[in-house]
PDB file of N, CA and C in Angstrom:
ATOM      1  N   MET A   1       0.833  -1.195   0.000  1.00  0.00           N
ATOM      2  CA  MET A   1       0.000   0.000   0.000  1.00  0.00           C
ATOM      3  C   MET A   1       0.871   1.249   0.000  1.00  0.00           C
ATOM      4  N   LYS A   2       1.986   1.192   0.723  1.00  0.00           N
ATOM      5  CA  LYS A   2       2.882   2.340   0.790  1.00  0.00           C
ATOM      6  C   LYS A   2       3.412   2.691  -0.596  1.00  0.00           C
ATOM      7  N   ASN A   3       3.803   1.678  -1.390  1.00  0.00           N
ATOM      8  CA  ASN A   3       4.293   1.919  -2.743  1.00  0.00           C
ATOM      9  C   ASN A   3       3.195   2.478  -3.642  1.00  0.00           C
ATOM     10  N   LEU A   4       1.992   1.983  -3.479  1.00  0.00           N
ATOM     11  CA  LEU A   4       0.872   2.471  -4.277  1.00  0.00           C
ATOM     12  C   LEU A   4       0.647   3.953  -4.017  1.00  0.00           C
ATOM     13  N   THR A   5       0.686   4.365  -2.782  1.00  0.00           N
ATOM     14  CA  THR A   5       0.533   5.775  -2.429  1.00  0.00           C
ATOM     15  C   THR A   5       1.679   6.587  -3.009  1.00  0.00           C
ATOM     16  N   LYS A   6       2.877   6.063  -2.924  1.00  0.00           N
ATOM     17  CA  LYS A   6       4.059   6.748  -3.455  1.00  0.00           C
ATOM     18  C   LYS A   6       3.906   6.957  -4.962  1.00  0.00           C
ATOM     19  N   TYR A   7       3.496   5.910  -5.676  1.00  0.00           N
ATOM     20  CA  TYR A   7       3.348   6.022  -7.123  1.00  0.00           C
ATOM     21  C   TYR A   7       2.225   6.968  -7.509  1.00  0.00           C
ATOM     22  N   PHE A   8       1.145   6.983  -6.744  1.00  0.00           N
ATOM     23  CA  PHE A   8       0.058   7.915  -7.007  1.00  0.00           C
ATOM     24  C   PHE A   8       0.550   9.352  -6.886  1.00  0.00           C
ATOM     25  N   LEU A   9       1.332   9.624  -5.852  1.00  0.00           N
ATOM     26  CA  LEU A   9       1.881  10.961  -5.665  1.00  0.00           C
ATOM     27  C   LEU A   9       2.827  11.332  -6.796  1.00  0.00           C
ATOM     28  N   VAL A  10       3.643  10.383  -7.218  1.00  0.00           N
ATOM     29  CA  VAL A  10       4.573  10.630  -8.324  1.00  0.00           C
ATOM     30  C   VAL A  10       3.800  10.996  -9.583  1.00  0.00           C
ATOM     31  N   ILE A  11       2.786  10.232  -9.900  1.00  0.00           N
ATOM     32  CA  ILE A  11       2.001  10.490 -11.103  1.00  0.00           C
ATOM     33  C   ILE A  11       1.287  11.834 -11.011  1.00  0.00           C
ATOM     34  N   SER A  12       0.759  12.169  -9.864  1.00  0.00           N
ATOM     35  CA  SER A  12       0.081  13.461  -9.686  1.00  0.00           C
ATOM     36  C   SER A  12       1.019  14.626  -9.959  1.00  0.00           C
ATOM     37  N   VAL A  13       2.233  14.534  -9.432  1.00  0.00           N
ATOM     38  CA  VAL A  13       3.211  15.599  -9.633  1.00  0.00           C
ATOM     39  C   VAL A  13       3.672  15.648 -11.084  1.00  0.00           C
ATOM     40  N   LEU A  14       3.871  14.487 -11.688  1.00  0.00           N
ATOM     41  CA  LEU A  14       4.358  14.423 -13.062  1.00  0.00           C
ATOM     42  C   LEU A  14       3.451  15.171 -14.030  1.00  0.00           C
ATOM     43  N   PHE A  15       2.171  15.065 -13.818  1.00  0.00           N
ATOM     44  CA  PHE A  15       1.251  15.618 -14.795  1.00  0.00           C
ATOM     45  C   PHE A  15       0.512  16.859 -14.313  1.00  0.00           C
ATOM     46  N   ALA A  16       1.054  17.520 -13.326  1.00  0.00           N
ATOM     47  CA  ALA A  16       0.448  18.759 -12.840  1.00  0.00           C
ATOM     48  C   ALA A  16       0.464  19.830 -13.917  1.00  0.00           C
ATOM     49  N   SER A  17       1.490  19.826 -14.739  1.00  0.00           N
ATOM     50  CA  SER A  17       1.591  20.833 -15.797  1.00  0.00           C
ATOM     51  C   SER A  17       1.292  20.257 -17.171  1.00  0.00           C
ATOM     52  N   SER A  18       0.632  19.111 -17.231  1.00  0.00           N
ATOM     53  CA  SER A  18       0.399  18.447 -18.506  1.00  0.00           C
ATOM     54  C   SER A  18      -0.538  19.213 -19.432  1.00  0.00           C
ATOM     55  N   VAL A  19      -1.406  20.045 -18.894  1.00  0.00           N
ATOM     56  CA  VAL A  19      -2.317  20.815 -19.738  1.00  0.00           C
ATOM     57  C   VAL A  19      -1.526  21.763 -20.640  1.00  0.00           C
ATOM     58  N   PHE A  20      -0.542  22.452 -20.059  1.00  0.00           N
ATOM     59  CA  PHE A  20       0.294  23.345 -20.863  1.00  0.00           C
ATOM     60  C   PHE A  20       1.080  22.554 -21.892  1.00  0.00           C
ATOM     61  N   ALA A  21       1.718  21.491 -21.467  1.00  0.00           N
ATOM     62  CA  ALA A  21       2.539  20.689 -22.369  1.00  0.00           C
ATOM     63  C   ALA A  21       1.705  20.124 -23.511  1.00  0.00           C
ATOM     64  N   ALA A  22       0.507  19.668 -23.215  1.00  0.00           N
ATOM     65  CA  ALA A  22      -0.357  19.101 -24.244  1.00  0.00           C
ATOM     66  C   ALA A  22      -0.706  20.130 -25.308  1.00  0.00           C
ATOM     67  N   SER A  23      -0.968  21.366 -24.903  1.00  0.00           N
ATOM     68  CA  SER A  23      -1.333  22.391 -25.880  1.00  0.00           C
ATOM     69  C   SER A  23      -0.177  22.740 -26.797  1.00  0.00           C
ATOM     70  N   VAL A  24       1.049  22.613 -26.322  1.00  0.00           N
ATOM     71  CA  VAL A  24       2.228  22.904 -27.129  1.00  0.00           C
ATOM     72  C   VAL A  24       2.572  21.711 -28.023  1.00  0.00           C
ATOM     73  N   LEU A  25       2.426  20.506 -27.519  1.00  0.00           N
ATOM     74  CA  LEU A  25       2.831  19.313 -28.244  1.00  0.00           C
ATOM     75  C   LEU A  25       1.775  18.755 -29.197  1.00  0.00           C
ATOM     76  N   SER A  26       0.525  19.046 -28.937  1.00  0.00           N
ATOM     77  CA  SER A  26      -0.563  18.448 -29.712  1.00  0.00           C
ATOM     78  C   SER A  26      -0.426  18.602 -31.223  1.00  0.00           C
ATOM     79  N   PRO A  27      -0.127  19.798 -31.731  1.00  0.00           N
ATOM     80  CA  PRO A  27      -0.024  19.906 -33.195  1.00  0.00           C
ATOM     81  C   PRO A  27       1.023  18.959 -33.799  1.00  0.00           C
ATOM     82  N   ALA A  28       2.183  18.848 -33.169  1.00  0.00           N
ATOM     83  CA  ALA A  28       3.230  17.953 -33.680  1.00  0.00           C
ATOM     84  C   ALA A  28       2.840  16.484 -33.505  1.00  0.00           C
ATOM     85  N   LYS A  29       2.140  16.173 -32.420  1.00  0.00           N
ATOM     86  CA  LYS A  29       1.670  14.797 -32.222  1.00  0.00           C
ATOM     87  C   LYS A  29       0.611  14.453 -33.264  1.00  0.00           C
ATOM     88  N   ASN A  30      -0.328  15.358 -33.471  1.00  0.00           N
ATOM     89  CA  ASN A  30      -1.407  15.117 -34.432  1.00  0.00           C
ATOM     90  C   ASN A  30      -0.883  14.979 -35.858  1.00  0.00           C
ATOM     91  N   ALA A  31       0.236  15.636 -36.156  1.00  0.00           N
ATOM     92  CA  ALA A  31       0.847  15.549 -37.481  1.00  0.00           C
ATOM     93  C   ALA A  31       1.697  14.290 -37.632  1.00  0.00           C
ATOM     94  N   GLY A  32       1.864  13.524 -36.561  1.00  0.00           N
ATOM     95  CA  GLY A  32       2.635  12.290 -36.619  1.00  0.00           C
ATOM     96  C   GLY A  32       4.139  12.510 -36.632  1.00  0.00           C
ATOM     97  N   ILE A  33       4.573  13.669 -36.167  1.00  0.00           N
ATOM     98  CA  ILE A  33       5.996  13.993 -36.169  1.00  0.00           C
ATOM     99  C   ILE A  33       6.669  13.519 -34.888  1.00  0.00           C
ATOM    100  N   ILE A  34       5.963  13.622 -33.770  1.00  0.00           N
ATOM    101  CA  ILE A  34       6.502  13.206 -32.475  1.00  0.00           C
ATOM    102  C   ILE A  34       5.528  12.262 -31.791  1.00  0.00           C
ATOM    103  N   GLY A  35       6.035  11.533 -30.809  1.00  0.00           N
ATOM    104  CA  GLY A  35       5.183  10.626 -30.058  1.00  0.00           C
ATOM    105  C   GLY A  35       5.732  10.389 -28.666  1.00  0.00           C
ATOM    106  N   GLU A  36       4.928   9.757 -27.851  1.00  0.00           N
ATOM    107  CA  GLU A  36       5.304   9.431 -26.475  1.00  0.00           C
ATOM    108  C   GLU A  36       6.013   8.090 -26.448  1.00  0.00           C
ATOM    109  N   GLN A  37       7.034   7.994 -25.594  1.00  0.00           N
ATOM    110  CA  GLN A  37       7.814   6.772 -25.472  1.00  0.00           C
ATOM    111  C   GLN A  37       7.693   6.187 -24.067  1.00  0.00           C
ATOM    112  N   ALA A  38       7.876   4.889 -23.961  1.00  0.00           N
ATOM    113  CA  ALA A  38       7.797   4.199 -22.674  1.00  0.00           C
ATOM    114  C   ALA A  38       8.865   4.673 -21.699  1.00  0.00           C
ATOM    115  N   ASN A  39       9.935   5.258 -22.211  1.00  0.00           N
ATOM    116  CA  ASN A  39      11.008   5.733 -21.333  1.00  0.00           C
ATOM    117  C   ASN A  39      10.679   7.066 -20.662  1.00  0.00           C
ATOM    118  N   GLY A  40       9.493   7.615 -20.958  1.00  0.00           N
ATOM    119  CA  GLY A  40       9.049   8.841 -20.306  1.00  0.00           C
ATOM    120  C   GLY A  40       9.353  10.119 -21.066  1.00  0.00           C
ATOM    121  N   TYR A  41       9.907   9.982 -22.240  1.00  0.00           N
ATOM    122  CA  TYR A  41      10.297  11.158 -23.018  1.00  0.00           C
ATOM    123  C   TYR A  41       9.610  11.166 -24.382  1.00  0.00           C
ATOM    124  N   ILE A  42       9.551  12.355 -24.975  1.00  0.00           N
ATOM    125  CA  ILE A  42       9.014  12.527 -26.323  1.00  0.00           C
ATOM    126  C   ILE A  42      10.090  12.081 -27.299  1.00  0.00           C
ATOM    127  N   GLY A  43       9.689  11.505 -28.419  1.00  0.00           N
ATOM    128  CA  GLY A  43      10.636  11.111 -29.451  1.00  0.00           C
ATOM    129  C   GLY A  43      10.176  11.570 -30.821  1.00  0.00           C
ATOM    130  N   LEU A  44      11.119  11.674 -31.730  1.00  0.00           N
ATOM    131  CA  LEU A  44      10.817  12.028 -33.118  1.00  0.00           C
ATOM    132  C   LEU A  44      10.409  10.768 -33.866  1.00  0.00           C
ATOM    133  N   VAL A  45       9.238  10.790 -34.453  1.00  0.00           N
ATOM    134  CA  VAL A  45       8.736   9.656 -35.224  1.00  0.00           C
ATOM    135  C   VAL A  45       9.340   9.690 -36.625  1.00  0.00           C
ATOM    136  N   LYS A  46       9.503  10.885 -37.151  1.00  0.00           N
ATOM    137  CA  LYS A  46      10.079  11.068 -38.484  1.00  0.00           C
ATOM    138  C   LYS A  46      10.853  12.381 -38.508  1.00  0.00           C
ATOM    139  N   ALA A  47      11.458  12.672 -39.635  1.00  0.00           N
ATOM    140  CA  ALA A  47      12.252  13.891 -39.777  1.00  0.00           C
ATOM    141  C   ALA A  47      11.410  15.104 -39.367  1.00  0.00           C
ATOM    142  N   ALA A  48      12.081  16.038 -38.700  1.00  0.00           N
ATOM    143  CA  ALA A  48      11.366  17.197 -38.177  1.00  0.00           C
ATOM    144  C   ALA A  48      12.177  18.468 -38.398  1.00  0.00           C
ATOM    145  N   SER A  49      11.485  19.587 -38.353  1.00  0.00           N
ATOM    146  CA  SER A  49      12.135  20.889 -38.488  1.00  0.00           C
ATOM    147  C   SER A  49      12.963  21.185 -37.243  1.00  0.00           C
ATOM    148  N   ALA A  50      13.805  22.173 -37.362  1.00  0.00           N
ATOM    149  CA  ALA A  50      14.634  22.590 -36.225  1.00  0.00           C
ATOM    150  C   ALA A  50      13.767  23.048 -35.058  1.00  0.00           C
ATOM    151  N   ASP A  51      12.642  23.690 -35.348  1.00  0.00           N
ATOM    152  CA  ASP A  51      11.734  24.152 -34.293  1.00  0.00           C
ATOM    153  C   ASP A  51      11.150  22.979 -33.506  1.00  0.00           C
ATOM    154  N   VAL A  52      10.747  21.938 -34.208  1.00  0.00           N
ATOM    155  CA  VAL A  52      10.177  20.765 -33.537  1.00  0.00           C
ATOM    156  C   VAL A  52      11.264  20.056 -32.733  1.00  0.00           C
ATOM    157  N   LYS A  53      12.450  19.938 -33.288  1.00  0.00           N
ATOM    158  CA  LYS A  53      13.560  19.312 -32.561  1.00  0.00           C
ATOM    159  C   LYS A  53      13.875  20.087 -31.288  1.00  0.00           C
ATOM    160  N   ALA A  54      13.845  21.421 -31.383  1.00  0.00           N
ATOM    161  CA  ALA A  54      14.093  22.258 -30.202  1.00  0.00           C
ATOM    162  C   ALA A  54      12.985  22.068 -29.168  1.00  0.00           C
ATOM    163  N   LEU A  55      11.746  21.943 -29.614  1.00  0.00           N
ATOM    164  CA  LEU A  55      10.620  21.707 -28.712  1.00  0.00           C
ATOM    165  C   LEU A  55      10.792  20.375 -27.983  1.00  0.00           C
ATOM    166  N   VAL A  56      11.143  19.331 -28.711  1.00  0.00           N
ATOM    167  CA  VAL A  56      11.352  18.006 -28.114  1.00  0.00           C
ATOM    168  C   VAL A  56      12.473  18.074 -27.078  1.00  0.00           C
ATOM    169  N   LYS A  57      13.554  18.717 -27.440  1.00  0.00           N
ATOM    170  CA  LYS A  57      14.685  18.834 -26.517  1.00  0.00           C
ATOM    171  C   LYS A  57      14.277  19.591 -25.253  1.00  0.00           C
ATOM    172  N   SER A  58      13.532  20.659 -25.415  1.00  0.00           N
ATOM    173  CA  SER A  58      13.087  21.464 -24.279  1.00  0.00           C
ATOM    174  C   SER A  58      12.146  20.679 -23.364  1.00  0.00           C
ATOM    175  N   VAL A  59      11.171  20.022 -23.960  1.00  0.00           N
ATOM    176  CA  VAL A  59      10.207  19.243 -23.173  1.00  0.00           C
ATOM    177  C   VAL A  59      10.921  18.120 -22.438  1.00  0.00           C
ATOM    178  N   ASN A  60      11.809  17.416 -23.137  1.00  0.00           N
ATOM    179  CA  ASN A  60      12.523  16.307 -22.500  1.00  0.00           C
ATOM    180  C   ASN A  60      13.434  16.785 -21.379  1.00  0.00           C
ATOM    181  N   SER A  61      14.036  17.941 -21.555  1.00  0.00           N
ATOM    182  CA  SER A  61      14.885  18.509 -20.504  1.00  0.00           C
ATOM    183  C   SER A  61      14.058  18.837 -19.264  1.00  0.00           C
ATOM    184  N   LYS A  62      12.883  19.409 -19.477  1.00  0.00           N
ATOM    185  CA  LYS A  62      11.996  19.736 -18.355  1.00  0.00           C
ATOM    186  C   LYS A  62      11.481  18.476 -17.677  1.00  0.00           C
ATOM    187  N   ARG A  63      11.147  17.469 -18.473  1.00  0.00           N
ATOM    188  CA  ARG A  63      10.687  16.211 -17.894  1.00  0.00           C
ATOM    189  C   ARG A  63      11.789  15.580 -17.043  1.00  0.00           C
ATOM    190  N   LYS A  64      13.005  15.570 -17.579  1.00  0.00           N
ATOM    191  CA  LYS A  64      14.110  14.959 -16.842  1.00  0.00           C
ATOM    192  C   LYS A  64      14.336  15.660 -15.510  1.00  0.00           C
ATOM    193  N   ALA A  65      14.276  16.988 -15.513  1.00  0.00           N
ATOM    194  CA  ALA A  65      14.445  17.746 -14.266  1.00  0.00           C
ATOM    195  C   ALA A  65      13.330  17.406 -13.285  1.00  0.00           C
ATOM    196  N   ARG A  66      12.117  17.302 -13.777  1.00  0.00           N
ATOM    197  CA  ARG A  66      10.978  16.970 -12.920  1.00  0.00           C
ATOM    198  C   ARG A  66      11.111  15.545 -12.393  1.00  0.00           C
ATOM    199  N   TYR A  67      11.502  14.607 -13.268  1.00  0.00           N
ATOM    200  CA  TYR A  67      11.702  13.228 -12.840  1.00  0.00           C
ATOM    201  C   TYR A  67      12.777  13.151 -11.755  1.00  0.00           C
ATOM    202  N   LYS A  68      13.852  13.907 -11.944  1.00  0.00           N
ATOM    203  CA  LYS A  68      14.949  13.889 -10.974  1.00  0.00           C
ATOM    204  C   LYS A  68      14.483  14.386  -9.610  1.00  0.00           C
ATOM    205  N   ASN A  69      13.743  15.498  -9.600  1.00  0.00           N
ATOM    206  CA  ASN A  69      13.237  16.037  -8.333  1.00  0.00           C
ATOM    207  C   ASN A  69      12.311  15.053  -7.629  1.00  0.00           C
ATOM    208  N   ILE A  70      11.456  14.413  -8.396  1.00  0.00           N
ATOM    209  CA  ILE A  70      10.532  13.437  -7.813  1.00  0.00           C
ATOM    210  C   ILE A  70      11.309  12.241  -7.276  1.00  0.00           C
ATOM    211  N   ALA A  71      12.275  11.775  -8.053  1.00  0.00           N
ATOM    212  CA  ALA A  71      13.078  10.626  -7.633  1.00  0.00           C
ATOM    213  C   ALA A  71      13.791  10.902  -6.315  1.00  0.00           C
ATOM    214  N   ILE A  72      14.345  12.077  -6.200  1.00  0.00           N
ATOM    215  CA  ILE A  72      15.039  12.443  -4.963  1.00  0.00           C
ATOM    216  C   ILE A  72      14.057  12.509  -3.800  1.00  0.00           C
ATOM    217  N   SER A  73      12.929  13.173  -4.018  1.00  0.00           N
ATOM    218  CA  SER A  73      11.981  13.345  -2.912  1.00  0.00           C
ATOM    219  C   SER A  73      11.302  12.039  -2.497  1.00  0.00           C
ATOM    220  N   LYS A  74      11.124  11.128  -3.435  1.00  0.00           N
ATOM    221  CA  LYS A  74      10.442   9.859  -3.125  1.00  0.00           C
ATOM    222  C   LYS A  74      11.411   8.708  -2.894  1.00  0.00           C
ATOM    223  N   LYS A  75      12.713   9.013  -3.057  1.00  0.00           N
ATOM    224  CA  LYS A  75      13.762   8.021  -2.834  1.00  0.00           C
ATOM    225  C   LYS A  75      13.589   6.788  -3.721  1.00  0.00           C
ATOM    226  N   ILE A  76      13.331   7.042  -4.995  1.00  0.00           N
ATOM    227  CA  ILE A  76      13.285   5.991  -6.005  1.00  0.00           C
ATOM    228  C   ILE A  76      14.151   6.450  -7.174  1.00  0.00           C
ATOM    229  N   SER A  77      14.485   5.553  -8.066  1.00  0.00           N
ATOM    230  CA  SER A  77      15.390   5.912  -9.159  1.00  0.00           C
ATOM    231  C   SER A  77      14.695   6.798 -10.185  1.00  0.00           C
ATOM    232  N   ILE A  78      15.493   7.622 -10.842  1.00  0.00           N
ATOM    233  CA  ILE A  78      14.959   8.487 -11.897  1.00  0.00           C
ATOM    234  C   ILE A  78      14.386   7.642 -13.034  1.00  0.00           C
ATOM    235  N   ASN A  79      14.998   6.483 -13.299  1.00  0.00           N
ATOM    236  CA  ASN A  79      14.480   5.610 -14.354  1.00  0.00           C
ATOM    237  C   ASN A  79      13.104   5.068 -14.007  1.00  0.00           C
ATOM    238  N   ASP A  80      12.884   4.750 -12.732  1.00  0.00           N
ATOM    239  CA  ASP A  80      11.557   4.282 -12.313  1.00  0.00           C
ATOM    240  C   ASP A  80      10.520   5.388 -12.466  1.00  0.00           C
ATOM    241  N   VAL A  81      10.888   6.604 -12.093  1.00  0.00           N
ATOM    242  CA  VAL A  81       9.971   7.739 -12.238  1.00  0.00           C
ATOM    243  C   VAL A  81       9.662   7.964 -13.714  1.00  0.00           C
ATOM    244  N   ALA A  82      10.696   7.924 -14.560  1.00  0.00           N
ATOM    245  CA  ALA A  82      10.506   8.142 -15.992  1.00  0.00           C
ATOM    246  C   ALA A  82       9.608   7.065 -16.600  1.00  0.00           C
ATOM    247  N   LYS A  83       9.781   5.816 -16.183  1.00  0.00           N
ATOM    248  CA  LYS A  83       8.940   4.732 -16.699  1.00  0.00           C
ATOM    249  C   LYS A  83       7.479   4.928 -16.292  1.00  0.00           C
ATOM    250  N   ILE A  84       7.262   5.377 -15.069  1.00  0.00           N
ATOM    251  CA  ILE A  84       5.896   5.669 -14.621  1.00  0.00           C
ATOM    252  C   ILE A  84       5.316   6.789 -15.476  1.00  0.00           C
ATOM    253  N   GLY A  85       6.123   7.821 -15.703  1.00  0.00           N
ATOM    254  CA  GLY A  85       5.687   8.935 -16.545  1.00  0.00           C
ATOM    255  C   GLY A  85       5.388   8.489 -17.964  1.00  0.00           C
ATOM    256  N   GLY A  86       6.241   7.626 -18.510  1.00  0.00           N
ATOM    257  CA  GLY A  86       6.026   7.117 -19.863  1.00  0.00           C
ATOM    258  C   GLY A  86       4.758   6.297 -19.977  1.00  0.00           C
ATOM    259  N   LYS A  87       4.517   5.455 -18.989  1.00  0.00           N
ATOM    260  CA  LYS A  87       3.298   4.631 -18.995  1.00  0.00           C
ATOM    261  C   LYS A  87       2.061   5.513 -18.964  1.00  0.00           C
ATOM    262  N   LYS A  88       2.090   6.514 -18.108  1.00  0.00           N
ATOM    263  CA  LYS A  88       0.939   7.413 -17.987  1.00  0.00           C
ATOM    264  C   LYS A  88       0.755   8.228 -19.260  1.00  0.00           C
ATOM    265  N   ALA A  89       1.860   8.706 -19.841  1.00  0.00           N
ATOM    266  CA  ALA A  89       1.772   9.502 -21.071  1.00  0.00           C
ATOM    267  C   ALA A  89       1.207   8.676 -22.221  1.00  0.00           C
ATOM    268  N   ILE A  90       1.633   7.421 -22.316  1.00  0.00           N
ATOM    269  CA  ILE A  90       1.107   6.541 -23.368  1.00  0.00           C
ATOM    270  C   ILE A  90      -0.379   6.298 -23.150  1.00  0.00           C
ATOM    271  N   GLU A  91      -0.786   6.092 -21.899  1.00  0.00           N
ATOM    272  CA  GLU A  91      -2.213   5.894 -21.605  1.00  0.00           C
ATOM    273  C   GLU A  91      -3.038   7.104 -22.025  1.00  0.00           C
ATOM    274  N   LYS A  92      -2.481   8.308 -21.848  1.00  0.00           N
ATOM    275  CA  LYS A  92      -3.207   9.539 -22.154  1.00  0.00           C
ATOM    276  C   LYS A  92      -3.106   9.950 -23.623  1.00  0.00           C
ATOM    277  N   THR A  93      -2.262   9.280 -24.388  1.00  0.00           N
ATOM    278  CA  THR A  93      -2.088   9.629 -25.796  1.00  0.00           C
ATOM    279  C   THR A  93      -3.381   9.366 -26.555  1.00  0.00           C
ATOM    280  N   ALA A  94      -3.744  10.321 -27.381  1.00  0.00           N
ATOM    281  CA  ALA A  94      -4.976  10.215 -28.164  1.00  0.00           C
ATOM    282  C   ALA A  94      -4.851   9.132 -29.237  1.00  0.00           C
ATOM    283  N   ALA A  95      -5.956   8.502 -29.540  1.00  0.00           N
ATOM    284  CA  ALA A  95      -5.994   7.510 -30.609  1.00  0.00           C
ATOM    285  C   ALA A  95      -5.517   8.159 -31.907  1.00  0.00           C
ATOM    286  N   GLY A  96      -4.699   7.430 -32.636  1.00  0.00           N
ATOM    287  CA  GLY A  96      -4.177   7.936 -33.899  1.00  0.00           C
ATOM    288  C   GLY A  96      -2.814   8.594 -33.775  1.00  0.00           C
ATOM    289  N   ASN A  97      -2.406   8.932 -32.558  1.00  0.00           N
ATOM    290  CA  ASN A  97      -1.074   9.492 -32.346  1.00  0.00           C
ATOM    291  C   ASN A  97      -0.089   8.352 -32.123  1.00  0.00           C
ATOM    292  N   TYR A  98       1.196   8.662 -32.263  1.00  0.00           N
ATOM    293  CA  TYR A  98       2.233   7.629 -32.165  1.00  0.00           C
ATOM    294  C   TYR A  98       2.718   7.414 -30.739  1.00  0.00           C
ATOM    295  N   ILE A  99       2.993   6.135 -30.463  1.00  0.00           N
ATOM    296  CA  ILE A  99       3.577   5.726 -29.188  1.00  0.00           C
ATOM    297  C   ILE A  99       4.696   4.729 -29.482  1.00  0.00           C
ATOM    298  N   LYS A 100       5.612   4.623 -28.531  1.00  0.00           N
ATOM    299  CA  LYS A 100       6.705   3.654 -28.664  1.00  0.00           C
ATOM    300  C   LYS A 100       6.849   2.931 -27.340  1.00  0.00           C
ATOM    301  N   ARG A 101       6.311   1.719 -27.294  1.00  0.00           N
ATOM    302  CA  ARG A 101       6.404   0.910 -26.090  1.00  0.00           C
ATOM    303  C   ARG A 101       7.810   0.315 -25.986  1.00  0.00           C
ATOM    304  N   ALA A 102       8.186  -0.083 -24.794  1.00  0.00           N
ATOM    305  CA  ALA A 102       9.515  -0.657 -24.560  1.00  0.00           C
ATOM    306  C   ALA A 102       9.757  -1.851 -25.474  1.00  0.00           C
ATOM    307  N   GLY A 103      10.894  -1.843 -26.148  1.00  0.00           N
ATOM    308  CA  GLY A 103      11.279  -2.939 -27.008  1.00  0.00           C
ATOM    309  C   GLY A 103      10.546  -3.000 -28.337  1.00  0.00           C
ATOM    310  N   GLU A 104       9.766  -1.992 -28.648  1.00  0.00           N
ATOM    311  CA  GLU A 104       9.004  -1.973 -29.888  1.00  0.00           C
ATOM    312  C   GLU A 104       9.345  -0.727 -30.700  1.00  0.00           C
ATOM    313  N   GLY A 105       8.870  -0.698 -31.923  1.00  0.00           N
ATOM    314  CA  GLY A 105       9.020   0.481 -32.765  1.00  0.00           C
ATOM    315  C   GLY A 105       7.816   1.394 -32.614  1.00  0.00           C
ATOM    316  N   TRP A 106       7.791   2.448 -33.383  1.00  0.00           N
ATOM    317  CA  TRP A 106       6.669   3.385 -33.352  1.00  0.00           C
ATOM    318  C   TRP A 106       5.425   2.728 -33.913  1.00  0.00           C
ATOM    319  N   SER A 107       4.282   2.990 -33.283  1.00  0.00           N
ATOM    320  CA  SER A 107       2.997   2.520 -33.779  1.00  0.00           C
ATOM    321  C   SER A 107       1.918   3.526 -33.415  1.00  0.00           C
ATOM    322  N   LYS A 108       0.859   3.521 -34.202  1.00  0.00           N
ATOM    323  CA  LYS A 108      -0.272   4.389 -33.886  1.00  0.00           C
ATOM    324  C   LYS A 108      -1.083   3.748 -32.784  1.00  0.00           C
ATOM    325  N   LYS A 109      -1.532   4.577 -31.884  1.00  0.00           N
ATOM    326  CA  LYS A 109      -2.358   4.084 -30.773  1.00  0.00           C
ATOM    327  C   LYS A 109      -3.765   3.874 -31.280  1.00  0.00           C
TER     328      LYS A 109
END
């Protein structure tokens, strides 16, 4: 039960700012240029402009910083936090957008 509570708190913190991120990422996701990955980060599905690459880099940098803070505060590894974030992001991905599950290639949800 203690771990379940810990993971719930991690997920709540991870997606506190997801509304803003979704509004910025949605156009690129809907165009099939970027997608959510099981590792907790955004990835390029296909060739992208410099602006989209910069957006991906920025979002991933912010996610990593957030994952690190959560990992430290909850005393779990950053990789575990990122995997939780990736699982949740894939669950929230809209049908028709791209996802990349662990050990797999890109596919439409």
